[in-house]
C-alpha atoms as a PDB file:
ATOM      1  CA  UNK A   1      -2.936 -10.192   7.790  1.00  0.00           C
ATOM      2  CA  UNK A   2      -4.164 -10.426  10.820  1.00  0.00           C
ATOM      3  CA  UNK A   3      -4.650  -6.961  12.077  1.00  0.00           C
ATOM      4  CA  UNK A   4      -2.882  -4.667   9.494  1.00  0.00           C
ATOM      5  CA  UNK A   5      -5.254  -2.666   7.123  1.00  0.00           C
ATOM      6  CA  UNK A   6      -4.314  -1.150   4.101  1.00  0.00           C
ATOM      7  CA  UNK A   7      -5.080  -0.405   0.170  1.00  0.00           C
ATOM      8  CA  UNK A   8      -1.954  -0.967  -1.890  1.00  0.00           C
ATOM      9  CA  UNK A   9      -2.024  -0.238  -5.524  1.00  0.00           C
ATOM     10  CA  UNK A  10       0.364  -2.097  -8.017  1.00  0.00           C
ATOM     11  CA  UNK A  11       1.917  -2.054 -11.397  1.00  0.00           C
ATOM     12  CA  UNK A  12       1.635  -5.426 -13.308  1.00  0.00           C
ATOM     13  CA  UNK A  13       5.313  -6.084 -14.597  1.00  0.00           C
ATOM     14  CA  UNK A  14       5.997  -4.201 -11.250  1.00  0.00           C
ATOM     15  CA  UNK A  15       4.257  -6.123  -8.860  1.00  0.00           C
ATOM     16  CA  UNK A  16       5.042  -4.323  -5.346  1.00  0.00           C
ATOM     17  CA  UNK A  17       3.223  -4.561  -2.218  1.00  0.00           C
ATOM     18  CA  UNK A  18       3.595  -3.149   1.323  1.00  0.00           C
ATOM     19  CA  UNK A  19       1.991  -2.004   4.850  1.00  0.00           C
ATOM     20  CA  UNK A  20       3.298   1.247   6.387  1.00  0.00           C
ATOM     21  CA  UNK A  21       1.720   0.598   9.775  1.00  0.00           C
ATOM     22  CA  UNK A  22       1.447   3.681  11.622  1.00  0.00           C
ATOM     23  CA  UNK A  23       3.281   2.857  15.219  1.00  0.00           C
ATOM     24  CA  UNK A  24       5.149   0.163  14.334  1.00  0.00           C
ATOM     25  CA  UNK A  25       9.026   1.583  14.205  1.00  0.00           C
ATOM     26  CA  UNK A  26       9.750  -0.634  17.201  1.00  0.00           C
ATOM     27  CA  UNK A  27      13.276  -1.486  17.276  1.00  0.00           C
ATOM     28  CA  UNK A  28      12.325  -5.612  18.195  1.00  0.00           C
ATOM     29  CA  UNK A  29       9.439  -5.032  14.729  1.00  0.00           C
ATOM     30  CA  UNK A  30      10.489  -6.148  11.895  1.00  0.00           C
ATOM     31  CA  UNK A  31      14.071  -6.788  12.793  1.00  0.00           C
ATOM     32  CA  UNK A  32      15.600  -9.531  11.044  1.00  0.00           C
ATOM     33  CA  UNK A  33      13.850  -7.450   7.580  1.00  0.00           C
ATOM     34  CA  UNK A  34      17.069  -8.000   5.526  1.00  0.00           C
ATOM     35  CA  UNK A  35      16.228  -4.950   3.403  1.00  0.00           C
ATOM     36  CA  UNK A  36      16.917  -2.673   6.333  1.00  0.00           C
ATOM     37  CA  UNK A  37      19.496  -4.763   7.827  1.00  0.00           C
ATOM     38  CA  UNK A  38      17.523  -5.528  11.160  1.00  0.00           C
ATOM     39  CA  UNK A  39      16.330  -1.447  11.676  1.00  0.00           C
ATOM     40  CA  UNK A  40      12.560  -1.032  12.312  1.00  0.00           C
ATOM     41  CA  UNK A  41      10.305  -0.357   9.045  1.00  0.00           C
ATOM     42  CA  UNK A  42       6.745   0.578  10.384  1.00  0.00           C
ATOM     43  CA  UNK A  43       5.468  -3.920   9.714  1.00  0.00           C
ATOM     44  CA  UNK A  44       4.351  -5.744  12.816  1.00  0.00           C
ATOM     45  CA  UNK A  45       6.531  -8.302  12.291  1.00  0.00           C
ATOM     46  CA  UNK A  46       9.889  -9.976  13.095  1.00  0.00           C
ATOM     47  CA  UNK A  47      10.313  -9.838   9.100  1.00  0.00           C
ATOM     48  CA  UNK A  48       8.553 -10.016   6.185  1.00  0.00           C
ATOM     49  CA  UNK A  49       4.614  -9.588   5.752  1.00  0.00           C
ATOM     50  CA  UNK A  50       2.498 -11.347   3.590  1.00  0.00           C
ATOM     51  CA  UNK A  51       2.752  -8.952   1.110  1.00  0.00           C
ATOM     52  CA  UNK A  52       6.598  -8.533   0.975  1.00  0.00           C
ATOM     53  CA  UNK A  53       7.004 -12.028   0.283  1.00  0.00           C
ATOM     54  CA  UNK A  54       3.950 -12.355  -2.695  1.00  0.00           C
ATOM     55  CA  UNK A  55       6.347  -9.366  -4.097  1.00  0.00           C
ATOM     56  CA  UNK A  56       9.784 -10.910  -3.782  1.00  0.00           C
ATOM     57  CA  UNK A  57       8.103 -14.083  -5.406  1.00  0.00           C
ATOM     58  CA  UNK A  58       6.425 -12.342  -8.354  1.00  0.00           C
ATOM     59  CA  UNK A  59      10.351 -10.883  -8.770  1.00  0.00           C
ATOM     60  CA  UNK A  60      10.201  -7.361  -7.301  1.00  0.00           C
ATOM     61  CA  UNK A  61      13.388  -5.922  -5.266  1.00  0.00           C
ATOM     62  CA  UNK A  62      11.587  -2.944  -3.959  1.00  0.00           C
ATOM     63  CA  UNK A  63       8.612  -1.759  -2.989  1.00  0.00           C
ATOM     64  CA  UNK A  64       6.127   1.310  -3.086  1.00  0.00           C
ATOM     65  CA  UNK A  65       6.481   4.376  -0.516  1.00  0.00           C
ATOM     66  CA  UNK A  66       3.822   5.439   1.721  1.00  0.00           C
ATOM     67  CA  UNK A  67       0.970   7.701   0.065  1.00  0.00           C
ATOM     68  CA  UNK A  68       1.729  10.820   2.220  1.00  0.00           C
ATOM     69  CA  UNK A  69       5.826  10.460   1.586  1.00  0.00           C
ATOM     70  CA  UNK A  70       7.276  13.278   0.651  1.00  0.00           C
ATOM     71  CA  UNK A  71       8.928  11.576  -2.414  1.00  0.00           C
ATOM     72  CA  UNK A  72       5.220   9.981  -3.336  1.00  0.00           C
ATOM     73  CA  UNK A  73       5.381  12.539  -6.433  1.00  0.00           C
ATOM     74  CA  UNK A  74       5.012  12.504 -10.236  1.00  0.00           C
ATOM     75  CA  UNK A  75       6.665   9.839 -11.666  1.00  0.00           C
ATOM     76  CA  UNK A  76       7.391   7.714  -8.291  1.00  0.00           C
ATOM     77  CA  UNK A  77       3.402   7.078  -8.085  1.00  0.00           C
ATOM     78  CA  UNK A  78       3.466   4.516 -11.347  1.00  0.00           C
ATOM     79  CA  UNK A  79       5.584   2.387  -9.416  1.00  0.00           C
ATOM     80  CA  UNK A  80       2.861   1.176  -6.704  1.00  0.00           C
ATOM     81  CA  UNK A  81       2.082   3.454  -3.861  1.00  0.00           C
ATOM     82  CA  UNK A  82       1.051   2.503  -0.720  1.00  0.00           C
ATOM     83  CA  UNK A  83      -2.074   3.818   1.075  1.00  0.00           C
ATOM     84  CA  UNK A  84      -2.312   1.869   4.454  1.00  0.00           C
ATOM     85  CA  UNK A  85      -2.609   3.133   7.591  1.00  0.00           C
ATOM     86  CA  UNK A  86      -2.346   0.857  10.882  1.00  0.00           C
ATOM     87  CA  UNK A  87      -5.606   1.104  13.175  1.00  0.00           C
ATOM     88  CA  UNK A  88      -7.695   1.632  10.875  1.00  0.00           C
ATOM     89  CA  UNK A  89     -11.122  -0.231   9.970  1.00  0.00           C
ATOM     90  CA  UNK A  90     -13.489  -0.352   6.971  1.00  0.00           C
ATOM     91  CA  UNK A  91     -16.021   1.702   9.230  1.00  0.00           C
ATOM     92  CA  UNK A  92     -14.633   5.529   9.865  1.00  0.00           C
ATOM     93  CA  UNK A  93     -14.843   5.213  13.448  1.00  0.00           C
ATOM     94  CA  UNK A  94     -12.841   2.104  13.709  1.00  0.00           C
ATOM     95  CA  UNK A  95      -9.782   2.984  15.725  1.00  0.00           C
ATOM     96  CA  UNK A  96     -11.214   6.531  16.560  1.00  0.00           C
ATOM     97  CA  UNK A  97      -8.532   6.493  19.539  1.00  0.00           C
ATOM     98  CA  UNK A  98      -5.943   6.613  17.526  1.00  0.00           C
ATOM     99  CA  UNK A  99      -6.166  10.203  16.269  1.00  0.00           C
ATOM    100  CA  UNK A 100      -3.631   9.445  13.090  1.00  0.00           C
ATOM    101  CA  UNK A 101      -5.274   6.656  11.264  1.00  0.00           C
ATOM    102  CA  UNK A 102      -6.472   7.227   7.789  1.00  0.00           C
ATOM    103  CA  UNK A 103      -9.595   5.235   7.516  1.00  0.00           C
ATOM    104  CA  UNK A 104      -9.991   3.072   3.982  1.00  0.00           C
ATOM    105  CA  UNK A 105     -12.941   5.786   2.572  1.00  0.00           C
ATOM    106  CA  UNK A 106     -10.013   8.558   3.298  1.00  0.00           C
ATOM    107  CA  UNK A 107      -7.758   6.159   1.116  1.00  0.00           C
ATOM    108  CA  UNK A 108      -9.720   5.401  -1.587  1.00  0.00           C
ATOM    109  CA  UNK A 109      -9.822   9.362  -1.357  1.00  0.00           C
ATOM    110  CA  UNK A 110      -6.043   9.289  -1.460  1.00  0.00           C
ATOM    111  CA  UNK A 111      -5.929   7.136  -4.384  1.00  0.00           C
ATOM    112  CA  UNK A 112      -8.705   9.297  -6.459  1.00  0.00           C
ATOM    113  CA  UNK A 113      -5.613  12.032  -5.818  1.00  0.00           C
ATOM    114  CA  UNK A 114      -2.878   9.930  -6.916  1.00  0.00           C
ATOM    115  CA  UNK A 115      -5.566   8.935  -9.694  1.00  0.00           C
ATOM    116  CA  UNK A 116      -5.748  12.844 -10.650  1.00  0.00           C
ATOM    117  CA  UNK A 117      -2.203  13.223 -10.676  1.00  0.00           C
ATOM    118  CA  UNK A 118      -2.273  10.668 -13.629  1.00  0.00           C
ATOM    119  CA  UNK A 119      -4.456  11.656 -15.700  1.00  0.00           C
ATOM    120  CA  UNK A 120      -2.116  15.018 -16.091  1.00  0.00           C
ATOM    121  CA  UNK A 121       0.422  13.231 -17.140  1.00  0.00           C
ATOM    122  CA  UNK A 122      -1.054  10.800 -19.196  1.00  0.00           C
ATOM    123  CA  UNK A 123      -4.410  12.236 -20.346  1.00  0.00           C
ATOM    124  CA  UNK A 124      -7.673   9.961 -19.211  1.00  0.00           C
ATOM    125  CA  UNK A 125      -7.349   7.483 -22.241  1.00  0.00           C
ATOM    126  CA  UNK A 126      -3.692   6.969 -21.110  1.00  0.00           C
ATOM    127  CA  UNK A 127      -4.639   6.312 -17.110  1.00  0.00           C
ATOM    128  CA  UNK A 128      -7.456   4.096 -18.242  1.00  0.00           C
ATOM    129  CA  UNK A 129      -5.383   1.802 -19.805  1.00  0.00           C
ATOM    130  CA  UNK A 130      -2.306   1.873 -17.425  1.00  0.00           C
ATOM    131  CA  UNK A 131      -5.106   1.033 -14.225  1.00  0.00           C
ATOM    132  CA  UNK A 132      -6.040  -2.014 -16.199  1.00  0.00           C
ATOM    133  CA  UNK A 133      -3.098  -3.494 -15.464  1.00  0.00           C
ATOM    134  CA  UNK A 134      -3.087  -2.338 -11.687  1.00  0.00           C
ATOM    135  CA  UNK A 135      -3.736  -4.795  -9.441  1.00  0.00           C
ATOM    136  CA  UNK A 136      -5.267  -3.094  -5.973  1.00  0.00           C
ATOM    137  CA  UNK A 137      -4.268  -5.233  -3.233  1.00  0.00           C
ATOM    138  CA  UNK A 138      -7.156  -4.880   0.339  1.00  0.00           C
ATOM    139  CA  UNK A 139      -6.580  -6.107   3.554  1.00  0.00           C
ATOM    140  CA  UNK A 140      -9.024  -4.773   5.805  1.00  0.00           C
ATOM    141  CA  UNK A 141     -11.279  -5.493   8.642  1.00  0.00           C
ATOM    142  CA  UNK A 142      -9.654  -7.124  11.091  1.00  0.00           C
ATOM    143  CA  UNK A 143      -9.534  -4.163  13.428  1.00  0.00           C
ATOM    144  CA  UNK A 144     -12.856  -3.446  12.932  1.00  0.00           C
ATOM    145  CA  UNK A 145     -14.036  -6.496  14.425  1.00  0.00           C
ATOM    146  CA  UNK A 146     -11.311  -6.525  17.422  1.00  0.00           C
ATOM    147  CA  UNK A 147     -12.757  -2.900  18.268  1.00  0.00           C
ATOM    148  CA  UNK A 148     -16.564  -4.838  18.442  1.00  0.00           C
ATOM    149  CA  UNK A 149     -14.625  -7.716  20.838  1.00  0.00           C
ATOM    150  CA  UNK A 150     -13.741  -4.902  22.955  1.00  0.00           C
ATOM    151  CA  UNK A 151     -16.193  -3.367  25.219  1.00  0.00           C
ATOM    152  CA  UNK A 152     -13.935  -1.062  26.219  1.00  0.00           C
ATOM    153  CA  UNK A 153     -13.711   0.613  23.499  1.00  0.00           C
ATOM    154  CA  UNK A 154     -15.873   3.868  22.991  1.00  0.00           C
ATOM    155  CA  UNK A 155     -17.689   3.331  19.672  1.00  0.00           C
ATOM    156  CA  UNK A 156     -19.281   0.111  21.017  1.00  0.00           C
ATOM    157  CA  UNK A 157     -19.756   0.417  24.385  1.00  0.00           C
ATOM    158  CA  UNK A 158     -23.173   1.711  24.958  1.00  0.00           C
ATOM    159  CA  UNK A 159     -24.825   1.128  21.578  1.00  0.00           C
ATOM    160  CA  UNK A 160     -23.417  -2.409  20.372  1.00  0.00           C
ATOM    161  CA  UNK A 161     -24.946  -3.651  17.636  1.00  0.00           C
ATOM    162  CA  UNK A 162     -26.033  -7.083  16.637  1.00  0.00           C
ATOM    163  CA  UNK A 163     -23.253  -9.345  15.120  1.00  0.00           C
ATOM    164  CA  UNK A 164     -25.058  -9.597  11.430  1.00  0.00           C
ATOM    165  CA  UNK A 165     -25.693  -6.141  11.868  1.00  0.00           C
ATOM    166  CA  UNK A 166     -21.922  -5.191  12.126  1.00  0.00           C
ATOM    167  CA  UNK A 167     -21.102  -8.093   9.419  1.00  0.00           C
ATOM    168  CA  UNK A 168     -23.429  -6.386   7.107  1.00  0.00           C
ATOM    169  CA  UNK A 169     -22.354  -2.714   7.763  1.00  0.00           C
ATOM    170  CA  UNK A 170     -18.802  -4.005   6.993  1.00  0.00           C
ATOM    171  CA  UNK A 171     -19.367  -5.863   3.853  1.00  0.00           C
ATOM    172  CA  UNK A 172     -21.701  -3.023   2.778  1.00  0.00           C
ATOM    173  CA  UNK A 173     -18.796  -0.517   3.286  1.00  0.00           C
ATOM    174  CA  UNK A 174     -15.969  -2.560   1.581  1.00  0.00           C
ATOM    175  CA  UNK A 175     -18.478  -3.244  -1.400  1.00  0.00           C
ATOM    176  CA  UNK A 176     -18.804   0.460  -1.945  1.00  0.00           C
ATOM    177  CA  UNK A 177     -15.187   1.060  -1.968  1.00  0.00           C
ATOM    178  CA  UNK A 178     -14.822  -1.644  -4.159  1.00  0.00           C
ATOM    179  CA  UNK A 179     -16.761  -0.166  -6.380  1.00  0.00           C
ATOM    180  CA  UNK A 180     -15.490   3.657  -6.181  1.00  0.00           C
ATOM    181  CA  UNK A 181     -12.244   1.944  -7.579  1.00  0.00           C
ATOM    182  CA  UNK A 182     -13.860   0.064 -10.127  1.00  0.00           C
ATOM    183  CA  UNK A 183     -15.524   3.323 -11.092  1.00  0.00           C
ATOM    184  CA  UNK A 184     -11.667   5.188 -10.839  1.00  0.00           C
ATOM    185  CA  UNK A 185     -10.336   2.682 -13.421  1.00  0.00           C
ATOM    186  CA  UNK A 186      -9.627  -0.258 -11.331  1.00  0.00           C
ATOM    187  CA  UNK A 187      -9.962  -3.423 -12.978  1.00  0.00           C
ATOM    188  CA  UNK A 188      -7.762  -6.577 -11.237  1.00  0.00           C
ATOM    189  CA  UNK A 189      -8.473  -7.011  -7.564  1.00  0.00           C
ATOM    190  CA  UNK A 190      -6.916  -8.788  -4.332  1.00  0.00           C
ATOM    191  CA  UNK A 191      -9.422  -8.704  -1.395  1.00  0.00           C
ATOM    192  CA  UNK A 192      -8.067 -10.985   1.871  1.00  0.00           C
ATOM    193  CA  UNK A 193     -10.819 -11.660   4.531  1.00  0.00           C
ATOM    194  CA  UNK A 194     -10.268 -11.770   8.140  1.00  0.00           C
ATOM    195  CA  UNK A 195      -8.423 -14.623   9.949  1.00  0.00           C
ATOM    196  CA  UNK A 196      -9.573 -16.388  12.947  1.00  0.00           C
ATOM    197  CA  UNK A 197      -8.593 -13.795  15.244  1.00  0.00           C
ATOM    198  CA  UNK A 198     -10.072 -16.093  17.726  1.00  0.00           C
ATOM    199  CA  UNK A 199      -6.753 -17.680  18.334  1.00  0.00           C
ATOM    200  CA  UNK A 200      -4.443 -14.739  18.626  1.00  0.00           C
ATOM    201  CA  UNK A 201      -3.015 -14.205  22.171  1.00  0.00           C
ATOM    202  CA  UNK A 202      -4.847 -10.959  22.556  1.00  0.00           C
ATOM    203  CA  UNK A 203      -8.585 -12.493  21.657  1.00  0.00           C
ATOM    204  CA  UNK A 204      -7.777 -15.639  23.932  1.00  0.00           C
ATOM    205  CA  UNK A 205      -6.415 -13.518  26.890  1.00  0.00           C
ATOM    206  CA  UNK A 206      -9.568 -10.938  26.754  1.00  0.00           C
ATOM    207  CA  UNK A 207     -12.266 -14.178  26.475  1.00  0.00           C
ATOM    208  CA  UNK A 208      -9.865 -16.001  29.352  1.00  0.00           C
ATOM    209  CA  UNK A 209      -9.915 -18.637  26.976  1.00  0.00           C
ATOM    210  CA  UNK A 210      -7.778 -21.865  28.472  1.00  0.00           C
ATOM    211  CA  UNK A 211      -4.263 -23.545  26.866  1.00  0.00           C
ATOM    212  CA  UNK A 212      -5.295 -24.858  23.373  1.00  0.00           C
ATOM    213  CA  UNK A 213      -8.566 -23.151  23.013  1.00  0.00           C
ATOM    214  CA  UNK A 214      -9.336 -20.505  20.217  1.00  0.00           C
ATOM    215  CA  UNK A 215     -12.506 -18.162  20.993  1.00  0.00           C
ATOM    216  CA  UNK A 216     -15.319 -19.786  19.323  1.00  0.00           C
ATOM    217  CA  UNK A 217     -17.403 -16.783  19.944  1.00  0.00           C
ATOM    218  CA  UNK A 218     -14.942 -14.284  18.143  1.00  0.00           C
ATOM    219  CA  UNK A 219     -14.457 -16.752  15.161  1.00  0.00           C
ATOM    220  CA  UNK A 220     -18.404 -17.670  14.639  1.00  0.00           C
ATOM    221  CA  UNK A 221     -18.034 -13.523  14.507  1.00  0.00           C
ATOM    222  CA  UNK A 222     -15.581 -14.089  11.821  1.00  0.00           C
ATOM    223  CA  UNK A 223     -16.480 -17.057  10.019  1.00  0.00           C
ATOM    224  CA  UNK A 224     -20.003 -15.020   9.072  1.00  0.00           C
ATOM    225  CA  UNK A 225     -18.470 -11.817   8.155  1.00  0.00           C
ATOM    226  CA  UNK A 226     -15.778 -13.506   5.896  1.00  0.00           C
ATOM    227  CA  UNK A 227     -19.145 -15.821   4.419  1.00  0.00           C
ATOM    228  CA  UNK A 228     -20.844 -12.320   3.531  1.00  0.00           C
ATOM    229  CA  UNK A 229     -17.769 -10.979   2.124  1.00  0.00           C
ATOM    230  CA  UNK A 230     -17.680 -13.611  -0.132  1.00  0.00           C
ATOM    231  CA  UNK A 231     -20.419 -13.413  -1.390  1.00  0.00           C
ATOM    232  CA  UNK A 232     -20.424  -9.792  -2.015  1.00  0.00           C
ATOM    233  CA  UNK A 233     -17.236 -10.774  -4.037  1.00  0.00           C
ATOM    234  CA  UNK A 234     -18.786 -13.668  -6.424  1.00  0.00           C
ATOM    235  CA  UNK A 235     -22.032 -10.938  -7.307  1.00  0.00           C
ATOM    236  CA  UNK A 236     -19.361  -8.414  -7.796  1.00  0.00           C
ATOM    237  CA  UNK A 237     -17.006 -10.970 -10.182  1.00  0.00           C
ATOM    238  CA  UNK A 238     -20.655 -11.352 -12.079  1.00  0.00           C
ATOM    239  CA  UNK A 239     -21.873  -8.062 -12.477  1.00  0.00           C
ATOM    240  CA  UNK A 240     -18.527  -6.706 -13.741  1.00  0.00           C
ATOM    241  CA  UNK A 241     -16.576  -9.975 -15.020  1.00  0.00           C
ATOM    242  CA  UNK A 242     -14.893 -10.871 -17.352  1.00  0.00           C
ATOM    243  CA  UNK A 243     -13.462  -7.490 -17.991  1.00  0.00           C
ATOM    244  CA  UNK A 244     -12.762  -6.848 -14.017  1.00  0.00           C
ATOM    245  CA  UNK A 245     -11.744 -10.224 -11.872  1.00  0.00           C
ATOM    246  CA  UNK A 246     -12.125  -9.628  -8.490  1.00  0.00           C
ATOM    247  CA  UNK A 247     -10.004 -12.308  -6.375  1.00  0.00           C
ATOM    248  CA  UNK A 248     -11.468 -13.553  -3.112  1.00  0.00           C
ATOM    249  CA  UNK A 249      -7.972 -14.928  -0.396  1.00  0.00           C
ATOM    250  CA  UNK A 250      -9.217 -17.446   2.492  1.00  0.00           C
ATOM    251  CA  UNK A 251      -6.878 -15.982   4.926  1.00  0.00           C
ATOM    252  CA  UNK A 252      -9.498 -17.968   8.093  1.00  0.00           C
ATOM    253  CA  UNK A 253      -8.651 -21.770   6.636  1.00  0.00           C
ATOM    254  CA  UNK A 254      -4.841 -21.106   6.045  1.00  0.00           C
ATOM    255  CA  UNK A 255      -3.983 -19.537   9.711  1.00  0.00           C
ATOM    256  CA  UNK A 256      -6.437 -21.984  10.919  1.00  0.00           C
ATOM    257  CA  UNK A 257      -4.732 -25.070   9.395  1.00  0.00           C
ATOM    258  CA  UNK A 258      -1.492 -23.794  10.993  1.00  0.00           C
ATOM    259  CA  UNK A 259      -3.170 -23.330  14.389  1.00  0.00           C
ATOM    260  CA  UNK A 260      -4.201 -26.729  14.387  1.00  0.00           C
ATOM    261  CA  UNK A 261      -1.332 -28.635  12.877  1.00  0.00           C
ATOM    262  CA  UNK A 262       1.107 -26.471  13.579  1.00  0.00           C
ATOM    263  CA  UNK A 263       3.993 -28.961  14.351  1.00  0.00           C
ATOM    264  CA  UNK A 264       3.471 -30.226  10.899  1.00  0.00           C
ATOM    265  CA  UNK A 265       5.108 -26.768   9.861  1.00  0.00           C
ATOM    266  CA  UNK A 266       7.606 -26.638  12.293  1.00  0.00           C
ATOM    267  CA  UNK A 267       6.316 -24.595  14.668  1.00  0.00           C
ATOM    268  CA  UNK A 268       6.436 -25.213  18.744  1.00  0.00           C
ATOM    269  CA  UNK A 269       4.085 -22.699  20.065  1.00  0.00           C
ATOM    270  CA  UNK A 270       0.994 -21.767  19.179  1.00  0.00           C
ATOM    271  CA  UNK A 271      -0.076 -20.060  21.771  1.00  0.00           C
ATOM    272  CA  UNK A 272       2.643 -17.159  23.544  1.00  0.00           C
ATOM    273  CA  UNK A 273       3.371 -14.153  21.351  1.00  0.00           C
ATOM    274  CA  UNK A 274       7.200 -14.431  20.652  1.00  0.00           C
ATOM    275  CA  UNK A 275       7.769 -10.707  21.510  1.00  0.00           C
ATOM    276  CA  UNK A 276       5.697  -9.565  24.703  1.00  0.00           C
ATOM    277  CA  UNK A 277       3.372 -10.961  26.854  1.00  0.00           C
ATOM    278  CA  UNK A 278       0.065 -12.616  27.071  1.00  0.00           C
ATOM    279  CA  UNK A 279      -1.481 -10.248  29.119  1.00  0.00           C
ATOM    280  CA  UNK A 280      -2.019  -6.507  28.879  1.00  0.00           C
ATOM    281  CA  UNK A 281      -0.566  -4.374  28.273  1.00  0.00           C
ATOM    282  CA  UNK A 282       0.875  -6.688  25.266  1.00  0.00           C
ATOM    283  CA  UNK A 283       3.528  -4.262  24.705  1.00  0.00           C
ATOM    284  CA  UNK A 284       6.459  -5.358  22.216  1.00  0.00           C
ATOM    285  CA  UNK A 285       8.741  -2.633  22.828  1.00  0.00           C
ATOM    286  CA  UNK A 286      12.657  -1.882  23.387  1.00  0.00           C
ATOM    287  CA  UNK A 287      12.995   2.105  23.350  1.00  0.00           C
ATOM    288  CA  UNK A 288      16.785   1.957  24.356  1.00  0.00           C
ATOM    289  CA  UNK A 289      19.106   1.395  26.871  1.00  0.00           C
ATOM    290  CA  UNK A 290      17.961  -0.684  30.258  1.00  0.00           C
ATOM    291  CA  UNK A 291      14.167  -0.169  28.762  1.00  0.00           C
ATOM    292  CA  UNK A 292      13.941  -3.594  27.127  1.00  0.00           C
ATOM    293  CA  UNK A 293      10.762  -5.620  26.685  1.00  0.00           C
ATOM    294  CA  UNK A 294      10.472  -8.919  29.043  1.00  0.00           C
ATOM    295  CA  UNK A 295       9.920 -11.232  26.658  1.00  0.00           C
ATOM    296  CA  UNK A 296      11.421 -11.990  23.723  1.00  0.00           C
ATOM    297  CA  UNK A 297      11.683 -15.502  22.247  1.00  0.00           C
ATOM    298  CA  UNK A 298      15.151 -16.717  20.988  1.00  0.00           C
ATOM    299  CA  UNK A 299      13.913 -18.468  18.125  1.00  0.00           C
ATOM    300  CA  UNK A 300      11.308 -16.711  16.106  1.00  0.00           C
ATOM    301  CA  UNK A 301      10.909 -19.442  13.705  1.00  0.00           C
ATOM    302  CA  UNK A 302       9.636 -21.933  15.870  1.00  0.00           C
ATOM    303  CA  UNK A 303       6.315 -19.144  16.740  1.00  0.00           C
ATOM    304  CA  UNK A 304       3.385 -18.634  14.960  1.00  0.00           C
ATOM    305  CA  UNK A 305       2.099 -15.412  16.665  1.00  0.00           C
ATOM    306  CA  UNK A 306       5.216 -12.393  16.492  1.00  0.00           C
ATOM    307  CA  UNK A 307       3.143 -10.138  19.125  1.00  0.00           C
ATOM    308  CA  UNK A 308      -0.375 -10.137  20.786  1.00  0.00           C
ATOM    309  CA  UNK A 309      -2.151  -9.583  17.105  1.00  0.00           C
ATOM    310  CA  UNK A 310       0.310 -10.666  14.764  1.00  0.00           C
ATOM    311  CA  UNK A 311       1.898 -13.512  12.895  1.00  0.00           C
ATOM    312  CA  UNK A 312       5.647 -14.267  12.634  1.00  0.00           C
ATOM    313  CA  UNK A 313       7.257 -13.814   9.385  1.00  0.00           C
ATOM    314  CA  UNK A 314       7.447 -17.728   9.307  1.00  0.00           C
ATOM    315  CA  UNK A 315       4.373 -18.161   9.477  1.00  0.00           C
ATOM    316  CA  UNK A 316       3.506 -15.354   6.807  1.00  0.00           C
ATOM    317  CA  UNK A 317       5.652 -17.367   4.565  1.00  0.00           C
ATOM    318  CA  UNK A 318       3.371 -20.223   4.756  1.00  0.00           C
ATOM    319  CA  UNK A 319      -0.005 -17.624   4.018  1.00  0.00           C
ATOM    320  CA  UNK A 320       1.917 -16.521   0.947  1.00  0.00           C
ATOM    321  CA  UNK A 321       2.764 -19.349  -1.149  1.00  0.00           C
ATOM    322  CA  UNK A 322      -1.256 -20.300  -0.628  1.00  0.00           C
ATOM    323  CA  UNK A 323      -2.059 -17.511  -1.543  1.00  0.00           C
ATOM    324  CA  UNK A 324       0.218 -17.559  -4.364  1.00  0.00           C
ATOM    325  CA  UNK A 325      -0.122 -20.733  -5.942  1.00  0.00           C
ATOM    326  CA  UNK A 326      -2.890 -22.137  -4.287  1.00  0.00           C
ATOM    327  CA  UNK A 327      -6.346 -23.631  -5.581  1.00  0.00           C
ATOM    328  CA  UNK A 328      -9.851 -22.551  -5.524  1.00  0.00           C
ATOM    329  CA  UNK A 329     -10.744 -23.243  -1.742  1.00  0.00           C
ATOM    330  CA  UNK A 330      -7.839 -20.853  -0.655  1.00  0.00           C
ATOM    331  CA  UNK A 331      -8.038 -18.260  -3.675  1.00  0.00           C
ATOM    332  CA  UNK A 332     -11.084 -17.864  -6.507  1.00  0.00           C
ATOM    333  CA  UNK A 333     -11.511 -17.214  -9.114  1.00  0.00           C
ATOM    334  CA  UNK A 334      -7.514 -17.546  -9.742  1.00  0.00           C
ATOM    335  CA  UNK A 335      -5.063 -17.373  -7.743  1.00  0.00           C
ATOM    336  CA  UNK A 336      -2.358 -14.486  -7.065  1.00  0.00           C
ATOM    337  CA  UNK A 337       0.188 -15.146  -9.904  1.00  0.00           C
ATOM    338  CA  UNK A 338      -2.377 -16.125 -11.963  1.00  0.00           C
ATOM    339  CA  UNK A 339      -3.881 -12.747 -11.070  1.00  0.00           C
ATOM    340  CA  UNK A 340      -0.489 -11.085 -12.134  1.00  0.00           C
ATOM    341  CA  UNK A 341      -0.641 -12.292 -15.562  1.00  0.00           C
ATOM    342  CA  UNK A 342      -4.583 -12.137 -16.261  1.00  0.00           C
ATOM    343  CA  UNK A 343      -5.469 -10.318 -19.501  1.00  0.00           C
ATOM    344  CA  UNK A 344      -8.592  -8.294 -19.779  1.00  0.00           C
END
């Protein structure tokens, strides 16, 4: 959720989601992830992401490969493809300091290439029928907002736009990409909003927040964006439904609920990252030899945050369960399990 940006395509009956996060292959990251026996997986967490947990709950034992993997060719694309790119965002310039990041617009271009391959194998009618049963999962926006909250980012340094203008740019660009996917045959979409970044260790540190406090400035910015995104999703459903369904997933309220009532969920620490520190450079690294990160908690299940930006697997489990089975206050107009079984 927090800090991840992805477009993943899944086939109904083989519902698969994963995230291929660039520069996430540190030894500590996903060290408890059983599928890789403690080896780094590219995930910025100590175990499974929300998407991984949803996949397993719906019966899948494997995950779609990254679009750029050499094996993601031919028949492989019909089992799901992962177009995610760490550090990217909805806006093209987000994460521009990371040369290899792939912005959302380019991720949709990559799907267009996959669709051309499908058409060459199935024909246009076959591809249209196939894509009706595919679920498109889109999680993007956190990095755009984090960049905005950091005055040192070159893109925003001199000509920082107003919060309302940023929100409108983001919603407009994301809606445009959703419409592109629709025009290419997408009919089932899961769109996840942005969580309360004002409560993550990174933002609390740069905003000099005292213990027990989140940045209200950051969270107000995010809530404004989420409201506009929800309105756009409702409009898409009104204009394109019932043959098309866009599900809005409210991660903000879920994570805020965990932050406010963390002990109720079995956590002991809601402020510190399990891996790395509370101050720059916020590293969570282990390069081998004696070069080990200075801070690594003993019990990951007791921490809400894995590093300065992302939740632990324990928090992801709560989020994923609410996405799968939640009511309309969390996922609307249907939850993820209902979306998975939705017949068009």
